[in-house]
Amino acid sequence: MTARSMEKLERLLGEWRIEVEGATEGEPVRGTGTAKGEEAAGGGILLNVVLELEGQELYWETNLFAYSEEEEKVHQFTVGSYGQVHDHVGGWRSDDVLYVEWSGISGGKPITEKVRYEWKGPNSFEVQETDSIGGKVVSTYVYRVTRTSPLLEEPMAVPT
């Protein structure tokens, strides 16, 4: 399962354009951005994201995706410019759908982030995120992600 899970994660490799729409506490959120997926030393995929959200400061996020063979789970470890550090954990629901979730504390209250990735083909995927605080949905986002770099025919070899 490890090789197949990592093969599916390798679809994140390359350069991407992002369009985001959503709402936070009833207020609309819109923006655009870019992402770059690279192979991470030791295994995994490093996805760096930069978003320009209307009326907000530039947002940066780094995500490390990897598969834990022992747990048989995918981890998405996220560090963002708003100060968040999250280990989302989940798995593949199908060949094209990855679901991860994180639960923790934000502003002194319990929060849950549910994130669903769905590949629409080799050059696009969609991310749906729902954030709930104390069981109440406070924000939802849809990220439409389109490849801007040529699709790699074969993954690049990484020297060891």
C-alpha atoms as a PDB file:
ATOM      1  CA  MET A   1       0.000   0.000   0.000  1.00  0.00           C
ATOM      2  CA  THR A   2       2.890   2.422   0.699  1.00  0.00           C
ATOM      3  CA  ALA A   3       4.080   2.588  -2.891  1.00  0.00           C
ATOM      4  CA  ARG A   4       0.539   3.102  -4.237  1.00  0.00           C
ATOM      5  CA  SER A   5      -0.291   5.765  -1.610  1.00  0.00           C
ATOM      6  CA  MET A   6       2.890   7.690  -2.378  1.00  0.00           C
ATOM      7  CA  GLU A   7       2.286   7.326  -6.117  1.00  0.00           C
ATOM      8  CA  LYS A   8      -1.104   8.989  -5.662  1.00  0.00           C
ATOM      9  CA  LEU A   9       0.465  11.790  -3.573  1.00  0.00           C
ATOM     10  CA  GLU A  10       3.036  12.415  -6.324  1.00  0.00           C
ATOM     11  CA  ARG A  11       0.215  13.979  -8.344  1.00  0.00           C
ATOM     12  CA  LEU A  12       0.869  17.065  -6.156  1.00  0.00           C
ATOM     13  CA  LEU A  13       4.283  17.536  -7.809  1.00  0.00           C
ATOM     14  CA  GLY A  14       4.641  20.569 -10.057  1.00  0.00           C
ATOM     15  CA  GLU A  15       3.462  24.155 -10.176  1.00  0.00           C
ATOM     16  CA  TRP A  16      -0.180  25.093  -9.683  1.00  0.00           C
ATOM     17  CA  ARG A  17      -2.586  28.048  -9.896  1.00  0.00           C
ATOM     18  CA  ILE A  18      -5.249  28.294  -7.182  1.00  0.00           C
ATOM     19  CA  GLU A  19      -8.649  29.996  -7.130  1.00  0.00           C
ATOM     20  CA  VAL A  20     -10.386  30.059  -3.743  1.00  0.00           C
ATOM     21  CA  GLU A  21     -13.944  30.894  -2.735  1.00  0.00           C
ATOM     22  CA  GLY A  22     -15.576  30.462   0.608  1.00  0.00           C
ATOM     23  CA  ALA A  23     -16.948  32.079   3.724  1.00  0.00           C
ATOM     24  CA  THR A  24     -15.640  32.708   7.230  1.00  0.00           C
ATOM     25  CA  GLU A  25     -18.317  33.408   9.828  1.00  0.00           C
ATOM     26  CA  GLY A  26     -20.700  34.382   7.029  1.00  0.00           C
ATOM     27  CA  GLU A  27     -18.283  36.783   5.297  1.00  0.00           C
ATOM     28  CA  PRO A  28     -17.232  35.908   1.733  1.00  0.00           C
ATOM     29  CA  VAL A  29     -13.622  34.965   1.053  1.00  0.00           C
ATOM     30  CA  ARG A  30     -12.134  35.053  -2.446  1.00  0.00           C
ATOM     31  CA  GLY A  31      -8.652  34.976  -3.801  1.00  0.00           C
ATOM     32  CA  THR A  32      -6.014  33.471  -6.001  1.00  0.00           C
ATOM     33  CA  GLY A  33      -2.627  31.964  -5.442  1.00  0.00           C
ATOM     34  CA  THR A  34       0.066  29.562  -6.436  1.00  0.00           C
ATOM     35  CA  ALA A  35       1.458  26.287  -5.141  1.00  0.00           C
ATOM     36  CA  LYS A  36       4.593  24.300  -5.833  1.00  0.00           C
ATOM     37  CA  GLY A  37       4.877  20.593  -5.058  1.00  0.00           C
ATOM     38  CA  GLU A  38       8.337  19.037  -4.677  1.00  0.00           C
ATOM     39  CA  GLU A  39       9.731  15.748  -3.456  1.00  0.00           C
ATOM     40  CA  ALA A  40      10.750  15.978   0.196  1.00  0.00           C
ATOM     41  CA  ALA A  41      14.008  14.580   1.533  1.00  0.00           C
ATOM     42  CA  GLY A  42      13.301  11.263   3.241  1.00  0.00           C
ATOM     43  CA  GLY A  43      10.071  10.734   1.322  1.00  0.00           C
ATOM     44  CA  GLY A  44       6.845  12.613   1.004  1.00  0.00           C
ATOM     45  CA  ILE A  45       5.704  15.645  -0.937  1.00  0.00           C
ATOM     46  CA  LEU A  46       6.320  19.238   0.127  1.00  0.00           C
ATOM     47  CA  LEU A  47       3.580  21.599  -1.120  1.00  0.00           C
ATOM     48  CA  ASN A  48       4.229  25.325  -0.616  1.00  0.00           C
ATOM     49  CA  VAL A  49       1.190  27.583  -1.036  1.00  0.00           C
ATOM     50  CA  VAL A  50       0.919  31.377  -1.356  1.00  0.00           C
ATOM     51  CA  LEU A  51      -2.569  32.940  -1.389  1.00  0.00           C
ATOM     52  CA  GLU A  52      -3.708  36.497  -2.036  1.00  0.00           C
ATOM     53  CA  LEU A  53      -7.099  36.766  -0.349  1.00  0.00           C
ATOM     54  CA  GLU A  54      -9.163  39.879  -1.045  1.00  0.00           C
ATOM     55  CA  GLY A  55      -8.841  42.380   1.822  1.00  0.00           C
ATOM     56  CA  GLN A  56      -6.308  40.263   3.736  1.00  0.00           C
ATOM     57  CA  GLU A  57      -2.552  40.048   4.018  1.00  0.00           C
ATOM     58  CA  LEU A  58      -0.610  37.548   1.915  1.00  0.00           C
ATOM     59  CA  TYR A  59      -1.016  34.020   3.330  1.00  0.00           C
ATOM     60  CA  TRP A  60       1.783  31.417   3.202  1.00  0.00           C
ATOM     61  CA  GLU A  61       1.441  27.725   3.991  1.00  0.00           C
ATOM     62  CA  THR A  62       3.790  24.756   3.855  1.00  0.00           C
ATOM     63  CA  ASN A  63       2.360  21.232   3.766  1.00  0.00           C
ATOM     64  CA  LEU A  64       4.292  17.996   4.067  1.00  0.00           C
ATOM     65  CA  PHE A  65       2.299  15.015   2.788  1.00  0.00           C
ATOM     66  CA  ALA A  66       3.471  11.491   3.586  1.00  0.00           C
ATOM     67  CA  TYR A  67       2.107   8.012   4.112  1.00  0.00           C
ATOM     68  CA  SER A  68       2.668   6.192   7.418  1.00  0.00           C
ATOM     69  CA  GLU A  69       2.954   2.494   6.688  1.00  0.00           C
ATOM     70  CA  GLU A  70       2.599   1.575  10.375  1.00  0.00           C
ATOM     71  CA  GLU A  71      -0.645   3.522  10.764  1.00  0.00           C
ATOM     72  CA  GLU A  72      -1.795   2.986   7.169  1.00  0.00           C
ATOM     73  CA  LYS A  73      -2.674   6.700   7.154  1.00  0.00           C
ATOM     74  CA  VAL A  74      -1.793   9.794   5.138  1.00  0.00           C
ATOM     75  CA  HIS A  75      -0.461  12.736   7.140  1.00  0.00           C
ATOM     76  CA  GLN A  76      -0.629  16.349   5.989  1.00  0.00           C
ATOM     77  CA  PHE A  77       1.562  18.370   8.348  1.00  0.00           C
ATOM     78  CA  THR A  78       0.731  22.064   7.878  1.00  0.00           C
ATOM     79  CA  VAL A  79       2.512  25.212   9.041  1.00  0.00           C
ATOM     80  CA  GLY A  80       0.833  28.496   8.105  1.00  0.00           C
ATOM     81  CA  SER A  81       1.599  32.196   8.342  1.00  0.00           C
ATOM     82  CA  TYR A  82      -1.318  32.743  10.754  1.00  0.00           C
ATOM     83  CA  GLY A  83       0.651  30.712  13.316  1.00  0.00           C
ATOM     84  CA  GLN A  84      -1.085  27.375  12.878  1.00  0.00           C
ATOM     85  CA  VAL A  85       0.728  24.043  13.127  1.00  0.00           C
ATOM     86  CA  HIS A  86      -1.515  21.055  12.355  1.00  0.00           C
ATOM     87  CA  ASP A  87      -1.080  17.350  11.661  1.00  0.00           C
ATOM     88  CA  HIS A  88      -4.053  16.358   9.529  1.00  0.00           C
ATOM     89  CA  VAL A  89      -4.522  12.587   9.375  1.00  0.00           C
ATOM     90  CA  GLY A  90      -6.642  10.515   7.037  1.00  0.00           C
ATOM     91  CA  GLY A  91      -6.575   8.309   4.018  1.00  0.00           C
ATOM     92  CA  TRP A  92      -7.662   7.565   0.487  1.00  0.00           C
ATOM     93  CA  ARG A  93     -11.406   7.125   0.046  1.00  0.00           C
ATOM     94  CA  SER A  94     -10.841   6.154  -3.609  1.00  0.00           C
ATOM     95  CA  ASP A  95      -8.088   6.480  -6.204  1.00  0.00           C
ATOM     96  CA  ASP A  96      -8.995  10.158  -6.647  1.00  0.00           C
ATOM     97  CA  VAL A  97     -10.262  11.254  -3.222  1.00  0.00           C
ATOM     98  CA  LEU A  98      -8.050  11.936  -0.205  1.00  0.00           C
ATOM     99  CA  TYR A  99      -9.644  12.928   3.107  1.00  0.00           C
ATOM    100  CA  VAL A 100      -7.691  14.299   6.090  1.00  0.00           C
ATOM    101  CA  GLU A 101      -8.810  15.824   9.380  1.00  0.00           C
ATOM    102  CA  TRP A 102      -7.255  17.763  12.247  1.00  0.00           C
ATOM    103  CA  SER A 103      -8.733  18.484  15.677  1.00  0.00           C
ATOM    104  CA  GLY A 104      -7.204  20.854  18.189  1.00  0.00           C
ATOM    105  CA  ILE A 105      -7.647  24.197  19.944  1.00  0.00           C
ATOM    106  CA  SER A 106      -8.019  27.637  18.344  1.00  0.00           C
ATOM    107  CA  GLY A 107      -8.732  30.746  20.398  1.00  0.00           C
ATOM    108  CA  GLY A 108      -9.222  28.502  23.426  1.00  0.00           C
ATOM    109  CA  LYS A 109     -12.012  26.518  21.728  1.00  0.00           C
ATOM    110  CA  PRO A 110     -12.027  23.038  20.181  1.00  0.00           C
ATOM    111  CA  ILE A 111     -11.743  23.189  16.386  1.00  0.00           C
ATOM    112  CA  THR A 112     -11.908  20.577  13.657  1.00  0.00           C
ATOM    113  CA  GLU A 113     -10.656  21.007  10.077  1.00  0.00           C
ATOM    114  CA  LYS A 114     -11.946  18.538   7.524  1.00  0.00           C
ATOM    115  CA  VAL A 115     -10.194  18.613   4.159  1.00  0.00           C
ATOM    116  CA  ARG A 116     -11.166  16.650   1.051  1.00  0.00           C
ATOM    117  CA  TYR A 117      -8.950  16.515  -2.061  1.00  0.00           C
ATOM    118  CA  GLU A 118     -10.510  15.297  -5.288  1.00  0.00           C
ATOM    119  CA  TRP A 119      -8.462  14.877  -8.465  1.00  0.00           C
ATOM    120  CA  LYS A 120     -10.408  15.827 -11.589  1.00  0.00           C
ATOM    121  CA  GLY A 121      -7.628  14.585 -13.915  1.00  0.00           C
ATOM    122  CA  PRO A 122      -3.841  14.820 -14.202  1.00  0.00           C
ATOM    123  CA  ASN A 123      -3.905  18.624 -14.390  1.00  0.00           C
ATOM    124  CA  SER A 124      -6.496  19.684 -11.824  1.00  0.00           C
ATOM    125  CA  PHE A 125      -7.908  18.942  -8.423  1.00  0.00           C
ATOM    126  CA  GLU A 126     -10.330  20.534  -5.989  1.00  0.00           C
ATOM    127  CA  VAL A 127      -9.931  20.970  -2.242  1.00  0.00           C
ATOM    128  CA  GLN A 128     -12.930  21.393   0.041  1.00  0.00           C
ATOM    129  CA  GLU A 129     -12.265  22.546   3.605  1.00  0.00           C
ATOM    130  CA  THR A 130     -14.758  22.860   6.447  1.00  0.00           C
ATOM    131  CA  ASP A 131     -13.747  24.322   9.819  1.00  0.00           C
ATOM    132  CA  SER A 132     -15.948  23.810  12.883  1.00  0.00           C
ATOM    133  CA  ILE A 133     -15.563  25.326  16.335  1.00  0.00           C
ATOM    134  CA  GLY A 134     -17.483  23.704  19.168  1.00  0.00           C
ATOM    135  CA  GLY A 135     -19.406  21.654  16.595  1.00  0.00           C
ATOM    136  CA  LYS A 136     -20.573  24.748  14.628  1.00  0.00           C
ATOM    137  CA  VAL A 137     -19.324  25.293  11.062  1.00  0.00           C
ATOM    138  CA  VAL A 138     -17.499  28.644  11.009  1.00  0.00           C
ATOM    139  CA  SER A 139     -15.821  28.534   7.612  1.00  0.00           C
ATOM    140  CA  THR A 140     -15.935  26.672   4.328  1.00  0.00           C
ATOM    141  CA  TYR A 141     -13.588  26.973   1.380  1.00  0.00           C
ATOM    142  CA  VAL A 142     -13.328  25.515  -2.110  1.00  0.00           C
ATOM    143  CA  TYR A 143      -9.915  25.667  -3.780  1.00  0.00           C
ATOM    144  CA  ARG A 144      -9.789  24.953  -7.515  1.00  0.00           C
ATOM    145  CA  VAL A 145      -6.247  23.979  -8.412  1.00  0.00           C
ATOM    146  CA  THR A 146      -4.916  23.835 -11.990  1.00  0.00           C
ATOM    147  CA  ARG A 147      -1.473  22.731 -13.145  1.00  0.00           C
ATOM    148  CA  THR A 148       0.707  25.462 -14.693  1.00  0.00           C
ATOM    149  CA  SER A 149       3.861  23.390 -15.245  1.00  0.00           C
ATOM    150  CA  PRO A 150       4.127  20.518 -17.730  1.00  0.00           C
ATOM    151  CA  LEU A 151       3.107  17.151 -16.344  1.00  0.00           C
ATOM    152  CA  LEU A 152       6.148  15.010 -15.578  1.00  0.00           C
ATOM    153  CA  GLU A 153       6.170  11.778 -17.558  1.00  0.00           C
ATOM    154  CA  GLU A 154       8.157   9.989 -14.874  1.00  0.00           C
ATOM    155  CA  PRO A 155       9.045  11.106 -11.339  1.00  0.00           C
ATOM    156  CA  MET A 156      12.555  12.472 -11.014  1.00  0.00           C
ATOM    157  CA  ALA A 157      15.124  10.352  -9.210  1.00  0.00           C
ATOM    158  CA  VAL A 158      16.275  11.805  -5.905  1.00  0.00           C
ATOM    159  CA  PRO A 159      19.911  11.133  -4.947  1.00  0.00           C
ATOM    160  CA  THR A 160      20.371   9.404  -1.614  1.00  0.00           C
END
